[in-house]
Amino acid sequence: MTDTVDEVRIQARAAGRRADEAHRPVALITGASRGLGRELARALAKDGWRLVLTARGAAELDETAAELSALTEVAALAGSVVDDDHRADLAEAASEFGGADLLVNNASTLTGYDLKGAALPTLAAFPLPGLLETFEVNVLGPIALTQLVLPQLRLTGGAIINISSDAAVEPYAGWGGYGASKAALDHASAILAQEEPELRVWVVDPGDMRTRMHQEAFPGEDISDRPLPETVIPAFRALLRDWPDSGRYLASDLLRTKEEV
């Protein structure tokens, strides 16, 4: 039986483009200064990807860039995904590397403001400026950045990974703003996948992780039982290796599939 178009494409990407030093793939990752974003940047750097990284915290982003610059080419630009000029700068930086093969929309906010140790607000008490910022960071920012990077991804036959959460599909008290914004991103991703059939648009729910943001959601609680972000990185490697159809994926399922292979 002859290989399908997708199988040929997977084989070409695995054996061709990524093995060609002149055309090493390029990833643009938001929220890359800590947590899952930083671990994914580390993994891709080790795999030879060139990186365009961004985060709001300049100091932490600079530390990440300094570490990964020993492994690959890195362009690090501090800023917010809700800033028009910053998004344009990110797209330009990817273009200067030859065009993005992968866009990872990882930057997120729980509430759009500093909780300062307080519990997540109920929808009845959610400050509206914070709710607006939550949707701008978690939904509008990723969509706007995707619009800018899409021409590059079309040329490279690339992929988009939008980071989601179980809060997008399960109702948890206090998670109304975050969960609703992630549900909106999930749905927008599904529509984008229909509109851009030559690309891969993957939504990934990584599961609970031991991150600063997760700790902020549970002030005063011990979250040491949650897995560290690096434990789910093999799930993302499985996506990029196997190149499955666009869709929503649980990291736990991808990890299980990897173990069964």
Protein backbone atom coordinates (compact mmCIF):
# COMPACT_ATOMS: atom_id res chain seq x y z
CA MET A 1 0.00 0.00 0.00
CA THR A 2 1.36 3.44 -0.87
CA ASP A 3 1.96 5.96 1.86
CA THR A 4 -0.72 8.57 2.47
CA VAL A 5 0.02 12.25 1.94
CA ASP A 6 0.23 12.74 5.71
CA GLU A 7 2.61 9.79 6.12
CA VAL A 8 4.85 11.15 3.39
CA ARG A 9 4.75 14.58 5.02
CA ILE A 10 5.64 13.15 8.42
CA GLN A 11 8.54 11.20 6.96
CA ALA A 12 9.77 14.23 5.03
CA ARG A 13 9.64 16.45 8.09
CA ALA A 14 11.41 13.86 10.23
CA ALA A 15 14.12 12.94 7.73
CA GLY A 16 14.40 16.04 5.59
CA ARG A 17 13.72 19.54 6.82
CA ARG A 18 14.80 18.97 10.41
CA ALA A 19 17.94 17.15 9.35
CA ASP A 20 18.91 20.04 7.05
CA GLU A 21 21.03 22.51 8.99
CA ALA A 22 20.08 25.27 6.57
CA HIS A 23 16.40 24.79 7.29
CA ARG A 24 16.21 23.99 10.97
CA PRO A 25 12.63 24.44 12.16
CA VAL A 26 11.54 27.56 13.99
CA ALA A 27 9.20 27.69 17.00
CA LEU A 28 7.54 30.78 18.44
CA ILE A 29 6.56 30.18 22.07
CA THR A 30 4.66 32.59 24.31
CA GLY A 31 4.83 32.39 28.08
CA ALA A 32 8.31 30.90 27.68
CA SER A 33 10.06 32.22 30.78
CA ARG A 34 8.81 29.58 33.24
CA GLY A 35 6.64 26.52 33.69
CA LEU A 36 5.51 24.55 30.67
CA GLY A 37 6.63 27.18 28.17
CA ARG A 38 10.22 27.12 29.40
CA GLU A 39 10.38 23.32 29.49
CA LEU A 40 9.01 23.08 25.97
CA ALA A 41 11.57 25.65 24.80
CA ARG A 42 14.32 23.59 26.43
CA ALA A 43 13.16 20.42 24.73
CA LEU A 44 12.92 22.00 21.30
CA ALA A 45 16.32 23.64 21.71
CA LYS A 46 17.83 20.23 22.45
CA ASP A 47 16.12 18.91 19.31
CA GLY A 48 17.73 21.62 17.19
CA TRP A 49 14.84 24.05 16.77
CA ARG A 50 15.51 27.76 16.54
CA LEU A 51 13.40 29.71 19.00
CA VAL A 52 11.50 32.97 19.24
CA LEU A 53 10.52 33.33 22.89
CA THR A 54 8.39 35.83 24.72
CA ALA A 55 7.03 36.44 28.21
CA ARG A 56 6.11 39.42 30.31
CA GLY A 57 8.91 38.87 32.85
CA ALA A 58 12.05 40.21 31.19
CA ALA A 59 14.50 38.95 33.82
CA GLU A 60 13.27 35.35 33.73
CA LEU A 61 13.03 35.44 29.95
CA ASP A 62 16.63 36.64 29.69
CA GLU A 63 17.75 33.79 31.95
CA THR A 64 15.95 31.26 29.78
CA ALA A 65 17.37 32.77 26.60
CA ALA A 66 20.91 32.79 28.00
CA GLU A 67 20.62 29.11 28.91
CA LEU A 68 19.19 28.00 25.57
CA SER A 69 21.50 30.15 23.46
CA ALA A 70 24.19 27.59 24.22
CA LEU A 71 22.10 25.05 22.30
CA THR A 72 20.47 26.98 19.47
CA GLU A 73 19.65 30.39 18.02
CA VAL A 74 17.27 32.30 20.27
CA ALA A 75 15.43 35.58 19.85
CA ALA A 76 13.88 36.66 23.16
CA LEU A 77 11.47 39.59 23.26
CA ALA A 78 9.82 40.53 26.53
CA GLY A 79 6.28 41.85 26.32
CA SER A 80 2.59 41.05 26.43
CA VAL A 81 0.63 39.19 23.77
CA VAL A 82 -2.10 41.82 24.08
CA ASP A 83 0.27 44.48 22.72
CA ASP A 84 -0.14 45.01 18.96
CA ASP A 85 3.42 46.17 18.36
CA HIS A 86 4.87 43.31 20.40
CA ARG A 87 2.97 40.70 18.40
CA ALA A 88 4.25 42.27 15.19
CA ASP A 89 7.80 42.13 16.54
CA LEU A 90 7.40 38.44 17.34
CA ALA A 91 6.15 37.64 13.86
CA GLU A 92 9.03 39.61 12.35
CA ALA A 93 11.57 37.78 14.51
CA ALA A 94 10.23 34.43 13.31
CA SER A 95 10.35 35.66 9.73
CA GLU A 96 13.99 36.64 10.13
CA PHE A 97 14.73 33.04 11.14
CA GLY A 98 13.13 31.84 7.91
CA GLY A 99 9.51 31.52 9.01
CA ALA A 100 7.74 29.76 11.86
CA ASP A 101 7.09 26.02 11.66
CA LEU A 102 5.37 26.00 15.03
CA LEU A 103 3.42 28.53 17.08
CA VAL A 104 2.80 27.68 20.72
CA ASN A 105 0.22 29.91 22.40
CA ASN A 106 1.07 29.16 26.00
CA ALA A 107 0.87 32.56 27.73
CA SER A 108 -2.10 32.70 30.09
CA THR A 109 -3.50 34.57 33.05
CA LEU A 110 -5.79 33.28 35.77
CA THR A 111 -7.65 36.50 36.47
CA GLY A 112 -5.95 39.36 34.64
CA TYR A 113 -4.71 40.87 37.90
CA ASP A 114 -2.44 39.96 40.81
CA LEU A 115 -4.37 37.81 43.27
CA LYS A 116 -1.88 38.66 46.07
CA GLY A 117 -2.66 35.40 47.85
CA ALA A 118 -6.45 35.72 47.56
CA ALA A 119 -8.70 32.96 46.32
CA LEU A 120 -9.96 32.91 42.73
CA PRO A 121 -12.99 35.20 42.45
CA THR A 122 -16.48 33.93 41.77
CA LEU A 123 -18.14 35.24 38.63
CA ALA A 124 -20.48 37.31 40.82
CA ALA A 125 -17.49 39.17 42.25
CA PHE A 126 -15.07 39.03 39.31
CA PRO A 127 -13.65 42.54 38.68
CA LEU A 128 -14.64 43.34 35.12
CA PRO A 129 -11.28 44.88 34.15
CA GLY A 130 -9.63 41.63 35.23
CA LEU A 131 -12.17 39.56 33.30
CA LEU A 132 -11.52 41.64 30.20
CA GLU A 133 -7.76 41.17 30.60
CA THR A 134 -8.26 37.42 31.04
CA PHE A 135 -10.02 37.14 27.70
CA GLU A 136 -7.53 39.47 26.02
CA VAL A 137 -4.53 37.40 27.17
CA ASN A 138 -6.07 33.94 26.83
CA VAL A 139 -8.16 34.37 23.68
CA LEU A 140 -7.62 37.60 21.76
CA GLY A 141 -3.81 37.53 22.07
CA PRO A 142 -3.43 34.00 20.67
CA ILE A 143 -5.87 34.65 17.83
CA ALA A 144 -4.20 37.95 16.92
CA LEU A 145 -0.72 36.42 16.99
CA THR A 146 -1.94 33.48 14.93
CA GLN A 147 -3.26 35.88 12.29
CA LEU A 148 0.20 37.42 11.94
CA VAL A 149 2.09 34.10 11.84
CA LEU A 150 -0.33 32.18 9.61
CA PRO A 151 1.35 33.26 6.33
CA GLN A 152 4.61 31.75 7.59
CA LEU A 153 2.95 28.57 8.80
CA ARG A 154 1.20 28.10 5.46
CA LEU A 155 4.55 28.24 3.68
CA THR A 156 6.21 25.78 6.06
CA GLY A 157 3.22 23.45 6.41
CA GLY A 158 3.43 24.04 10.12
CA ALA A 159 1.41 23.65 13.28
CA ILE A 160 -0.20 25.61 16.08
CA ILE A 161 -0.39 24.36 19.65
CA ASN A 162 -2.88 26.15 21.88
CA ILE A 163 -2.53 25.27 25.55
CA SER A 164 -5.86 24.54 27.21
CA SER A 165 -7.09 23.18 30.53
CA ASP A 166 -9.66 20.82 31.97
CA ALA A 167 -11.31 24.01 33.27
CA ALA A 168 -12.39 24.58 29.65
CA VAL A 169 -14.65 21.54 29.76
CA GLU A 170 -15.42 21.03 33.48
CA PRO A 171 -17.15 23.65 35.66
CA TYR A 172 -15.09 24.50 38.75
CA ALA A 173 -16.20 27.19 41.18
CA GLY A 174 -13.81 30.13 41.01
CA TRP A 175 -12.51 29.19 37.57
CA GLY A 176 -15.23 30.97 35.58
CA GLY A 177 -13.02 33.57 33.93
CA TYR A 178 -10.10 31.28 33.15
CA GLY A 179 -12.27 28.31 32.17
CA ALA A 180 -14.55 30.35 29.94
CA SER A 181 -11.58 31.93 28.18
CA LYS A 182 -9.96 28.54 27.57
CA ALA A 183 -13.27 27.16 26.29
CA ALA A 184 -13.38 30.06 23.85
CA LEU A 185 -9.83 29.32 22.73
CA ASP A 186 -10.72 25.64 22.28
CA HIS A 187 -13.64 26.50 20.03
CA ALA A 188 -11.69 29.08 18.04
CA SER A 189 -8.97 26.46 17.52
CA ALA A 190 -11.50 23.94 16.19
CA ILE A 191 -12.81 26.51 13.73
CA LEU A 192 -9.29 27.47 12.65
CA ALA A 193 -8.55 23.80 11.98
CA GLN A 194 -11.56 23.70 9.62
CA GLU A 195 -10.44 26.88 7.87
CA GLU A 196 -6.77 25.87 7.56
CA PRO A 197 -6.86 22.17 6.60
CA GLU A 198 -3.25 22.14 5.38
CA LEU A 199 -2.00 23.01 8.86
CA ARG A 200 -2.21 21.23 12.17
CA VAL A 201 -4.09 23.03 14.94
CA TRP A 202 -3.70 21.13 18.18
CA VAL A 203 -5.29 22.03 21.49
CA VAL A 204 -3.43 20.37 24.35
CA ASP A 205 -4.64 19.99 27.92
CA PRO A 206 -1.43 19.24 29.84
CA GLY A 207 -3.22 18.39 33.09
CA ASP A 208 -2.42 19.72 36.55
CA MET A 209 1.21 20.69 36.98
CA ARG A 210 3.42 22.04 39.73
CA THR A 211 3.76 25.58 38.41
CA ARG A 212 3.69 29.06 39.89
CA MET A 213 0.35 29.81 38.24
CA HIS A 214 -1.17 26.64 39.64
CA GLN A 215 0.11 27.57 43.09
CA GLU A 216 -1.46 31.00 42.76
CA ALA A 217 -4.79 29.29 42.10
CA PHE A 218 -4.48 27.38 45.38
CA PRO A 219 -2.94 29.84 47.84
CA GLY A 220 -1.54 28.22 50.95
CA GLU A 221 -2.12 24.68 49.67
CA ASP A 222 0.57 22.07 49.13
CA ILE A 223 0.68 21.21 45.43
CA SER A 224 3.87 19.16 45.61
CA ASP A 225 1.90 16.08 44.52
CA ARG A 226 1.35 17.62 41.07
CA PRO A 227 3.81 16.54 38.37
CA LEU A 228 6.47 18.96 37.17
CA PRO A 229 6.00 20.49 33.69
CA GLU A 230 8.90 18.56 32.19
CA THR A 231 7.01 15.29 32.74
CA VAL A 232 4.52 16.14 29.97
CA ILE A 233 7.10 17.21 27.38
CA PRO A 234 7.17 13.71 25.80
CA ALA A 235 3.50 14.28 24.91
CA PHE A 236 4.42 17.31 22.83
CA ARG A 237 7.29 15.44 21.22
CA ALA A 238 4.80 12.72 20.29
CA LEU A 239 2.59 15.31 18.58
CA LEU A 240 5.46 16.68 16.53
CA ARG A 241 6.73 13.20 15.69
CA ASP A 242 3.44 11.54 14.75
CA TRP A 243 1.75 14.64 13.27
CA PRO A 244 -1.84 13.55 14.09
CA ASP A 245 -4.93 15.29 12.80
CA SER A 246 -5.92 18.66 14.21
CA GLY A 247 -7.92 18.31 17.40
CA ARG A 248 -7.99 18.48 21.18
CA TYR A 249 -5.57 16.18 22.99
CA LEU A 250 -4.94 15.28 26.60
CA ALA A 251 -1.26 15.04 27.44
CA SER A 252 -2.02 11.95 29.51
CA ASP A 253 -3.47 10.21 26.44
CA LEU A 254 -0.47 11.16 24.30
CA LEU A 255 1.87 9.85 26.98
CA ARG A 256 -0.10 6.60 27.20
CA THR A 257 0.03 6.16 23.44
CA LYS A 258 3.79 6.79 23.51
CA GLU A 259 4.24 4.06 26.11
CA GLU A 260 2.20 1.61 24.02
CA VAL A 261 4.27 2.20 20.85
